Protein backbone atom coordinates (compact mmCIF):
# COMPACT_ATOMS: atom_id res chain seq x y z
CA MET A 1 121.21 109.29 78.38
CA LYS A 2 121.59 112.07 75.81
CA LYS A 3 124.22 114.76 75.56
CA LEU A 4 122.46 117.25 77.76
CA SER A 5 124.01 120.15 79.56
CA ILE A 6 123.47 118.18 82.75
CA PHE A 7 125.80 115.49 81.45
CA ILE A 8 128.20 117.65 79.45
CA ILE A 9 129.51 119.22 82.63
CA GLY A 10 132.69 117.65 83.96
CA PHE A 11 132.63 115.34 86.89
CA THR A 12 132.94 117.85 89.70
CA MET A 13 132.21 116.06 92.98
CA SER A 14 133.77 119.01 94.77
CA LEU A 15 132.18 118.09 98.08
CA ALA A 16 133.28 114.50 97.77
CA PHE A 17 136.90 115.21 96.96
CA SER A 18 137.66 118.38 98.88
CA GLY A 19 140.64 117.96 101.17
CA CYS A 20 141.70 114.54 99.82
CA SER A 21 145.37 113.66 100.13
CA GLY A 22 147.99 112.09 97.93
CA MET A 23 146.96 111.03 94.45
CA LEU A 24 143.45 112.34 94.93
CA ASP A 25 144.75 115.88 95.48
CA GLU A 26 147.34 115.72 92.72
CA MET A 27 145.30 114.23 89.88
CA ILE A 28 143.64 116.62 87.43
CA PRO A 29 140.95 116.04 86.34
CA LYS A 30 139.72 114.25 89.42
CA ASP A 31 137.75 111.64 87.47
CA ALA A 32 140.97 110.45 85.80
CA ILE A 33 141.88 108.57 88.99
CA PRO A 34 141.44 104.83 88.49
CA GLN A 35 138.52 103.89 90.70
CA SER A 36 140.27 100.71 91.74
CA GLU A 37 143.08 102.80 93.29
CA LEU A 38 140.93 104.86 95.65
CA SER A 39 141.98 104.40 99.29
CA ASP A 40 139.55 103.75 102.15
CA SER A 41 139.88 107.40 103.12
CA ASP A 42 139.10 108.47 99.56
CA MET A 43 136.07 106.16 99.53
CA GLU A 44 134.74 107.78 102.71
CA LYS A 45 135.07 111.20 101.13
CA LEU A 46 133.32 109.99 98.01
CA ILE A 47 130.46 108.59 100.09
CA ASN A 48 130.17 111.85 102.05
CA GLY A 49 129.98 113.79 98.79
CA VAL A 50 127.10 111.62 97.63
CA TYR A 51 125.27 112.34 100.89
CA ALA A 52 125.64 116.07 100.21
CA ASP A 53 124.21 115.63 96.71
CA MET A 54 121.33 113.55 98.03
CA GLU A 55 120.48 116.22 100.59
CA GLU A 56 119.87 118.68 97.76
CA PHE A 57 117.94 116.11 95.75
CA VAL A 58 115.55 115.12 98.55
CA PHE A 59 115.12 118.77 99.59
CA ASP A 60 114.16 119.79 96.04
CA PHE A 61 111.48 117.08 95.87
CA TYR A 62 110.35 117.24 99.51
CA MET A 63 107.11 119.25 99.44
CA ASP A 64 106.17 118.81 95.80
CA GLY A 65 103.52 116.25 96.75
CA ASP A 66 101.95 118.74 99.15
CA VAL A 67 101.64 121.42 96.50
CA LYS A 68 100.03 119.06 94.00
CA GLY A 69 98.20 117.29 96.81
CA GLU A 70 96.37 120.55 97.62
CA ASN A 71 97.77 120.83 101.13
CA PHE A 72 98.92 124.40 100.58
CA LYS A 73 97.62 127.75 99.48
CA ALA A 74 99.80 130.67 98.43
CA GLY A 75 101.82 132.28 101.19
CA PRO A 76 102.86 135.94 101.27
CA GLY A 77 105.83 135.37 98.97
CA PHE A 78 104.34 133.20 96.25
CA SER A 79 101.41 132.76 93.85
CA LEU A 80 99.56 129.45 93.55
CA ASN A 81 96.71 129.64 91.07
CA ASP A 82 96.44 126.02 89.94
CA PRO A 83 98.45 123.56 92.07
CA MET A 84 97.91 120.69 89.63
CA LEU A 85 98.88 122.40 86.37
CA MET A 86 102.05 121.32 84.57
CA ALA A 87 103.31 121.67 81.02
CA PRO A 88 106.34 120.30 79.13
CA SER A 89 107.84 123.79 79.14
CA THR A 90 107.37 124.35 82.89
CA SER A 91 110.68 125.20 84.55
CA GLU A 92 109.65 123.33 87.69
CA VAL A 93 109.35 120.09 85.69
CA LEU A 94 112.69 120.55 83.92
CA ASP A 95 114.46 121.53 87.15
CA LYS A 96 113.33 118.38 88.95
CA TRP A 97 114.24 116.15 86.02
CA GLN A 98 117.69 117.67 85.77
CA LYS A 99 118.25 117.55 89.53
CA ALA A 100 117.44 113.83 89.49
CA TYR A 101 119.85 113.02 86.67
CA THR A 102 122.72 115.24 87.84
CA THR A 103 122.47 113.59 91.26
CA LEU A 104 122.23 110.17 89.61
CA LYS A 105 125.53 110.84 87.83
CA GLN A 106 127.30 111.25 91.17
CA VAL A 107 125.58 108.21 92.67
CA ASN A 108 126.45 106.10 89.63
CA PHE A 109 130.10 107.02 90.08
CA LEU A 110 129.88 105.46 93.54
CA VAL A 111 128.10 102.41 92.10
CA GLU A 112 130.78 102.01 89.44
CA THR A 113 133.52 102.44 92.02
CA TYR A 114 132.08 99.63 94.11
CA GLU A 115 131.56 97.37 91.12
CA THR A 116 135.18 97.78 89.96
CA LEU A 117 136.67 96.82 93.34
CA GLU A 118 138.57 93.56 93.40
CA ASN A 119 137.74 93.01 97.07
CA LYS A 120 134.07 93.75 97.70
CA GLU A 121 134.04 92.16 101.16
CA THR A 122 135.66 94.96 103.15
CA SER A 123 133.42 97.05 105.38
CA ILE A 124 134.09 100.23 103.37
CA ALA A 125 133.32 98.43 100.10
CA LYS A 126 130.01 97.15 101.42
CA LYS A 127 129.19 100.57 102.83
CA ALA A 128 129.90 102.22 99.47
CA GLY A 129 127.94 99.67 97.48
CA GLY A 130 124.96 99.50 99.82
CA THR A 131 124.73 103.29 100.10
CA ALA A 132 125.00 103.73 96.33
CA TYR A 133 122.38 101.14 95.42
CA TYR A 134 120.00 102.52 98.06
CA PHE A 135 120.34 106.11 96.89
CA ARG A 136 119.96 105.11 93.25
CA ALA A 137 116.74 103.29 94.14
CA LEU A 138 115.53 106.37 96.02
CA ILE A 139 116.21 108.60 93.01
CA TYR A 140 114.36 106.27 90.67
CA TYR A 141 111.46 105.92 93.11
CA ASN A 142 111.01 109.68 92.98
CA LEU A 143 111.24 109.60 89.18
CA VAL A 144 108.85 106.71 88.55
CA ILE A 145 106.05 107.95 90.79
CA ARG A 146 106.08 111.23 88.87
CA TRP A 147 106.99 110.39 85.27
CA GLY A 148 106.32 106.66 85.02
CA GLY A 149 108.74 105.48 82.35
CA VAL A 150 112.14 107.19 82.38
CA PRO A 151 115.65 106.43 81.06
CA ILE A 152 117.42 103.80 83.18
CA LEU A 153 121.09 104.66 83.57
CA LYS A 154 123.10 101.89 85.21
CA LYS A 155 126.33 103.79 84.63
CA ARG A 156 127.44 107.24 83.56
CA THR A 157 127.17 107.77 79.83
CA TYR A 158 126.96 110.46 77.18
CA ASP A 159 124.89 108.21 74.92
CA THR A 160 121.19 108.69 74.37
CA VAL A 161 119.34 106.18 76.53
CA PRO A 162 115.67 105.77 75.53
CA ILE A 163 112.88 105.90 78.07
CA SER A 164 112.11 102.49 79.58
CA PRO A 165 108.58 101.36 80.42
CA GLU A 166 107.34 102.10 83.92
CA THR A 167 107.36 98.38 84.82
CA ASP A 168 111.06 98.17 83.98
CA VAL A 169 111.81 101.14 86.19
CA TRP A 170 110.05 99.53 89.15
CA ASN A 171 111.99 96.31 88.50
CA PHE A 172 115.24 98.27 88.46
CA ILE A 173 114.36 99.83 91.81
CA THR A 174 113.61 96.48 93.44
CA GLU A 175 116.84 95.04 92.02
CA ASP A 176 118.90 97.90 93.45
CA LEU A 177 117.22 97.55 96.83
CA SER A 178 117.93 93.83 96.84
CA ASN A 179 121.58 94.60 96.15
CA ALA A 180 121.63 97.20 98.91
CA GLU A 181 119.94 94.83 101.35
CA ALA A 182 122.75 92.29 100.90
CA LEU A 183 125.44 94.88 101.68
CA LEU A 184 124.12 97.27 104.33
CA SER A 185 124.77 96.97 108.05
CA ASP A 186 122.25 97.14 110.86
CA PHE A 187 121.05 100.53 112.09
CA THR A 188 123.46 102.49 114.28
CA ASP A 189 122.84 106.12 113.32
CA LYS A 190 119.81 107.83 111.76
CA TYR A 191 122.11 110.01 109.64
CA TYR A 192 123.44 107.09 107.60
CA VAL A 193 121.90 104.57 105.24
CA SER A 194 121.30 101.30 107.07
CA LEU A 195 119.60 97.98 106.51
CA ALA A 196 116.55 99.40 108.29
CA ALA A 197 116.41 102.34 105.85
CA CYS A 198 116.61 99.90 102.95
CA ASN A 199 113.82 97.77 104.42
CA ALA A 200 111.66 100.87 104.88
CA LEU A 201 112.04 101.84 101.22
CA GLN A 202 111.38 98.24 100.19
CA ALA A 203 108.12 98.30 102.15
CA ARG A 204 107.11 101.53 100.42
CA VAL A 205 107.98 100.22 96.97
CA PHE A 206 106.18 96.90 97.43
CA LEU A 207 103.07 98.72 98.67
CA SER A 208 103.14 100.79 95.47
CA LEU A 209 103.42 97.60 93.42
CA GLU A 210 100.56 95.99 95.40
CA ARG A 211 102.93 93.19 96.39
CA TYR A 212 101.34 93.22 99.80
CA ASP A 213 102.99 90.18 101.39
CA GLU A 214 106.42 91.66 100.72
CA ALA A 215 105.31 95.10 101.91
CA ILE A 216 104.19 93.54 105.21
CA GLN A 217 107.40 91.51 105.49
CA TYR A 218 109.67 94.54 105.15
CA ALA A 219 107.50 96.84 107.25
CA ASP A 220 107.65 94.25 110.02
CA LYS A 221 111.45 94.16 109.86
CA VAL A 222 111.46 97.84 110.82
CA ILE A 223 108.55 97.74 113.27
CA ASN A 224 110.22 94.89 115.17
CA ASN A 225 113.58 96.67 115.27
CA ALA A 226 114.27 97.67 118.88
CA ASN A 227 115.98 100.89 117.74
CA PHE A 228 112.66 102.49 116.80
CA THR A 229 109.65 103.55 118.86
CA LEU A 230 106.55 105.58 118.05
CA SER A 231 106.24 108.94 119.79
CA THR A 232 103.28 109.37 122.13
CA SER A 233 102.94 113.13 122.68
CA SER A 234 102.70 116.36 120.74
CA VAL A 235 106.19 117.38 121.82
CA GLU A 236 107.72 114.04 120.85
CA TYR A 237 106.07 114.27 117.45
CA ALA A 238 107.29 117.85 116.95
CA ASP A 239 110.82 116.95 118.04
CA MET A 240 111.30 114.82 114.91
CA PHE A 241 111.58 117.96 112.79
CA ILE A 242 114.24 119.90 114.67
CA TYR A 243 118.01 120.17 114.62
CA ASN A 244 119.79 117.34 116.47
CA SER A 245 116.54 115.44 117.01
CA ASN A 246 116.71 112.52 119.43
CA SER A 247 113.48 110.97 118.16
CA LYS A 248 113.44 107.18 117.98
CA GLU A 249 110.93 107.35 115.13
CA LEU A 250 113.60 108.42 112.66
CA ILE A 251 114.96 105.63 110.46
CA LEU A 252 116.92 107.81 108.04
CA THR A 253 117.30 111.55 107.98
CA LEU A 254 119.92 113.50 106.07
CA ALA A 255 121.84 115.72 108.47
CA ASN A 256 121.72 119.02 106.51
CA LYS A 257 124.56 120.39 108.63
CA ARG A 258 126.15 122.58 106.01
CA THR A 259 127.76 126.01 106.28
CA SER A 260 127.07 127.12 102.70
CA SER A 261 124.36 126.53 100.09
CA LEU A 262 121.89 126.27 102.96
CA LEU A 263 118.75 124.18 102.48
CA LEU A 264 116.14 126.20 104.38
CA PHE A 265 112.80 124.50 104.91
CA TYR A 266 111.34 127.44 106.78
CA GLN A 267 111.63 129.67 103.72
CA LYS A 268 108.94 127.51 102.11
CA ILE A 269 106.35 127.46 104.89
CA ASN A 270 107.35 129.38 108.02
CA ASP A 271 109.87 132.13 107.37
CA ILE A 272 111.02 134.64 109.95
CA ASP A 273 110.03 137.46 107.58
CA PRO A 274 106.84 137.69 105.45
CA THR A 275 108.22 135.96 102.36
CA TRP A 276 107.42 132.27 102.76
CA ASP A 277 105.93 130.43 99.81
CA TYR A 278 103.04 128.43 101.26
CA SER A 279 100.43 128.60 104.00
CA PRO A 280 98.05 125.77 104.96
CA ALA A 281 95.11 125.27 102.61
CA ASP A 282 91.93 126.51 104.31
CA ASP A 283 90.24 123.12 104.41
CA CYS A 284 93.36 121.48 105.86
CA TYR A 285 93.67 124.12 108.54
CA GLU A 286 90.02 123.85 109.48
CA SER A 287 89.42 120.12 109.36
CA LEU A 288 92.55 118.00 108.86
CA TYR A 289 92.96 117.33 112.57
CA ALA A 290 89.29 117.59 113.48
CA ASN A 291 87.66 115.22 115.97
CA THR A 292 85.48 112.48 114.52
CA SER A 293 83.38 109.71 115.99
CA GLU A 294 86.40 107.37 115.69
CA LYS A 295 89.13 109.67 117.07
CA GLU A 296 89.51 112.69 119.28
CA GLY A 297 92.34 114.92 120.41
CA ASP A 298 94.88 114.53 117.62
CA LEU A 299 98.28 115.09 119.23
CA ARG A 300 99.81 116.26 115.95
CA ARG A 301 97.84 119.45 115.43
CA PRO A 302 99.71 121.70 117.89
CA ALA A 303 102.95 120.73 116.19
CA VAL A 304 101.72 121.51 112.68
CA PHE A 305 99.52 124.61 112.47
CA ASN A 306 99.84 128.13 113.80
CA GLU A 307 96.87 129.84 115.43
CA ASP A 308 96.22 132.31 112.58
CA ASN A 309 96.30 129.98 109.53
CA SER A 310 99.37 131.68 108.09
CA ARG A 311 102.33 129.48 108.96
CA ILE A 312 102.97 125.77 109.05
CA LEU A 313 104.80 125.20 112.31
CA LYS A 314 105.83 121.62 111.58
CA ILE A 315 109.33 122.83 110.79
CA PRO A 316 110.06 125.46 113.48
CA ASN A 317 111.88 128.56 112.29
CA GLY A 318 113.75 129.30 115.53
CA SER A 319 111.87 132.46 116.45
CA ASP A 320 109.26 133.08 119.12
CA GLY A 321 105.81 131.53 118.85
CA GLN A 322 106.91 128.05 117.76
CA PHE A 323 105.58 124.91 119.42
CA VAL A 324 109.06 123.54 120.14
CA VAL A 325 112.52 125.10 120.07
CA ASN A 326 114.64 124.55 116.98
CA GLU A 327 118.12 125.72 117.89
CA GLN A 328 119.47 125.62 114.34
CA PRO A 329 116.57 125.99 111.89
CA SER A 330 119.05 126.37 109.03
CA GLN A 331 120.06 122.77 109.75
CA THR A 332 116.64 121.16 109.98
CA PRO A 333 117.08 117.45 109.21
CA ILE A 334 115.79 116.16 105.88
CA ILE A 335 113.66 113.17 106.80
CA VAL A 336 113.68 110.24 104.38
CA ALA A 337 112.02 107.47 106.42
CA ARG A 338 110.34 107.16 109.79
CA LEU A 339 108.58 104.47 111.76
CA SER A 340 104.98 105.65 111.50
CA GLU A 341 104.96 104.97 107.76
CA MET A 342 105.77 101.31 108.42
CA TYR A 343 102.68 100.90 110.62
CA LEU A 344 100.46 102.52 108.02
CA ILE A 345 102.01 100.49 105.19
CA LYS A 346 101.45 97.27 107.13
CA ALA A 347 97.86 98.17 107.98
CA GLU A 348 97.05 99.09 104.37
CA ALA A 349 98.72 95.98 102.99
CA LEU A 350 96.87 93.71 105.42
CA GLY A 351 93.52 95.18 104.37
CA ASN A 352 90.33 96.01 106.20
CA VAL A 353 90.02 92.71 108.09
CA SER A 354 93.51 92.04 109.41
CA GLY A 355 94.84 95.59 109.19
CA LEU A 356 92.37 97.17 111.58
CA GLY A 357 94.31 96.05 114.66
CA VAL A 358 97.56 97.50 113.30
CA LEU A 359 95.79 100.77 112.49
CA ARG A 360 94.32 100.87 115.98
CA ASP A 361 97.75 100.28 117.50
CA PHE A 362 99.21 103.16 115.52
CA MET A 363 96.34 105.52 116.29
CA SER A 364 96.65 104.84 120.03
CA HIS A 365 99.95 106.76 119.83
CA ARG A 366 98.44 109.75 118.06
CA TYR A 367 95.13 110.51 119.82
CA GLU A 368 93.85 111.20 123.27
CA LYS A 369 90.92 108.90 122.53
CA ILE A 370 90.12 106.40 119.77
CA ASN A 371 86.90 104.48 119.18
CA LEU A 372 87.37 102.46 116.01
CA PRO A 373 84.61 100.00 115.15
CA THR A 374 85.35 96.29 115.33
CA SER A 375 84.99 95.97 111.56
CA MET A 376 85.04 98.18 108.45
CA ASN A 377 84.29 97.66 104.79
CA GLU A 378 87.10 98.20 102.29
CA THR A 379 86.10 101.76 101.39
CA ASP A 380 85.80 102.95 104.98
CA PHE A 381 89.10 101.33 105.86
CA GLN A 382 90.85 102.96 102.91
CA ASN A 383 89.37 106.30 103.92
CA GLN A 384 90.78 105.84 107.42
CA ILE A 385 94.22 104.94 106.06
CA LEU A 386 94.29 107.92 103.71
CA ASP A 387 93.11 110.23 106.47
CA GLU A 388 95.83 109.00 108.81
CA ARG A 389 98.48 109.34 106.15
CA HIS A 390 97.23 112.85 105.41
CA ARG A 391 97.43 113.85 109.07
CA GLU A 392 100.75 112.11 109.67
CA PHE A 393 102.70 113.24 106.60
CA TYR A 394 101.29 116.72 106.04
CA ALA A 395 104.10 118.92 104.62
CA GLU A 396 106.27 115.86 103.96
CA GLY A 397 105.38 115.45 100.29
CA GLN A 398 103.26 112.29 100.25
CA ARG A 399 99.66 113.38 99.64
CA TRP A 400 99.65 113.60 95.82
CA TYR A 401 101.13 110.15 95.30
CA ASP A 402 98.95 108.61 98.02
CA LEU A 403 95.85 109.62 96.09
CA LYS A 404 97.40 108.62 92.76
CA ARG A 405 98.49 105.12 93.77
CA THR A 406 95.16 104.35 95.51
CA ASN A 407 93.20 105.75 92.55
CA ARG A 408 91.32 108.15 94.80
CA LEU A 409 91.33 110.98 92.31
CA ASP A 410 87.88 111.93 93.58
CA LEU A 411 89.60 113.48 96.60
CA PHE A 412 91.37 116.09 94.47
CA LYS A 413 89.36 119.32 94.39
CA SER A 414 91.14 121.03 91.47
CA LEU A 415 91.85 118.11 89.13
CA ASN A 416 88.60 118.67 87.19
CA GLY A 417 88.93 115.60 85.00
CA ARG A 418 92.54 116.27 84.01
CA ASP A 419 93.66 112.77 84.96
CA TYR A 420 96.71 113.05 82.69
CA LEU A 421 98.24 115.26 85.39
CA MET A 422 98.89 112.12 87.43
CA TYR A 423 102.02 111.82 85.30
CA PHE A 424 104.50 114.66 84.92
CA PRO A 425 105.28 115.76 81.35
CA ILE A 426 108.65 114.89 79.87
CA PRO A 427 110.48 118.24 79.65
CA GLN A 428 110.26 119.57 76.10
CA THR A 429 113.94 120.51 75.99
CA GLU A 430 114.80 116.87 76.71
CA ILE A 431 112.55 115.67 73.89
CA ASP A 432 114.08 118.21 71.51
CA LEU A 433 117.54 116.84 72.25
CA ALA A 434 116.75 113.11 72.32
CA GLY A 435 113.95 112.96 69.75
CA THR A 436 110.38 111.79 70.14
CA GLU A 437 111.26 108.20 69.25
CA ASN A 438 113.55 107.97 72.27
CA TYR A 439 111.52 110.29 74.50
CA PRO A 440 107.81 110.06 73.69
CA GLN A 441 105.70 112.57 75.60
CA ASN A 442 103.39 111.30 78.32
CA PRO A 443 99.74 111.25 77.17
CA GLY A 444 97.65 114.37 77.57
CA TYR A 445 100.36 116.99 77.10
């Protein structure tokens, strides 16, 4: 990529290298250490540092799809006049772009470290490589669904790397996930990247690409994994979003157990003082979990909304009046993948004929009573899928892209024909530095 401030900075990796011994402590600058000479202990520290960087990355992107998906209205500490509006000069757009590429630099160091190893068959080597390829795919997934074409950086560089077409970015993601799949171990702990986490992201990616057979294949790998089980009550659903959760729905969640630079979800939607950014949009509060002829008694509602339409309880803030206790709200886990998405991916990929049974199976875990018809046309089935995804992933950042990828722009209330907003603008400062030939602006801006 170009010589931006985000790449001019030295290779810090302070979290990754803090407390290292021997050569790692003595070498200055730290990135002068030959990667081939890192010990197993050093590799573990490097991996842990990447996890810390990825926590910040996922946190920064987490609820963006709810804002632009019209799930929120302004809370007492924020103004939200037009949730869809973006411009090349918008700081929010630049901040997300820069966060993605600064994080990518750290992840690429781990990729390069793995790729320079003479012996790639050790457990620590496979762990490093699988983790790095997975996280790089996750970064690019978040980039491509927003910007479409972006620069593909396979290694750290100060060179200007032109924007690649969107198709190439998707191909890069699937290639990285294939590499990760070959290296990662079976699931043992929800706080670490596993083969199951890789399969879950593969299912999501293949659904986006409308490669439905592969989406079903990878969703099934997770659904059939005995480590995971759907929750069946309001409390079990709510317990996914608390410190030290024991939920068996969680496939991958970043621990967020830090003592400084806290990542506080409740400041966005449910603060302990009147300064949170967002409250539930009126129509969501009133009707998102409403009974219909097909389903009654949604078990998720008590875990999501407060009684006075001011707070979103889904991430408890630790004070009184919450649906479940969150003993350390400052360490709320950052969920990356969970089982329910695999059921909904499989149902959607199977379509209205074969997918209805999978949808019914999923819904039986979320309602007191369901009464789905024996058949649905394609439009009704898609409406059911989108409604379930809306209910299930409210305040988890998925709504905007769900409507984009299914081309259901009619469900946006504030889009008003501005379809170009389905792609983020390339930040103007990036274009100024790289030139319009390398960084052409997305249409409409």
